[in-house]
């Protein structure tokens, strides 16, 4: 009986530390410090650019899967990094921390899949969700070489996002392409053809409609 109690205690302690990897590493100063700056581009300060590399500009109260409480997080889309603010310090959350997702500002569910962050745009249906990979382009500013030209600011420009169907059980990520879907869902070829023929595929809700096919 004593051995069972001791074993249960050891398992519970191991589970606690597995679930609290981020905070454990933070308290032990092993999280990666964002040594360059909060932007993610060398020699670029907060006000030296147009546009934004972030999902949201401010650090927002957020939930880390497996952790208690809320934490100030900001997702840098351009650098594909989630930064944690602790007092006046900033830390990059390692992608090898075995975390599945973050809920940022109670609005965005950001999932880590194959060392890349994706934004979940749908609710779960039949173990599937729709994920979106935001893309941002950075253009370096230029300083005029003479007194006649104008300086141009560095800028971040939002590009077209890429969408995927994600299987929560198998962890398989399927590009949002007709032929890829037809090879996976062979019995639903006609429905898939009709979907791509009639759907606009411009906003999140357009892509989320595809879940009706795989959930039937």
Foldseek 3Di string as FASTA:
>chain_A
DVVVVVVVVVVVVVLLCLLCVQVVCVVVVNFAFPVQDPQQDHPDDDPQEAEHQWPDPFFFFKAFGSDDGTWGWIARLANQWIWTDDPPTIGTGDLPSPTAWMQGNVPWIWGQAPNGIWTWLDDDAPQKTKTKRWYKDWDCWDDDPDPPDDTGTIYIDTDDIWMWIARNPVRDTFGPDLVRVCVVCVVCNVVSVVLVVPAPPDDSVSVRVCSVSVRD
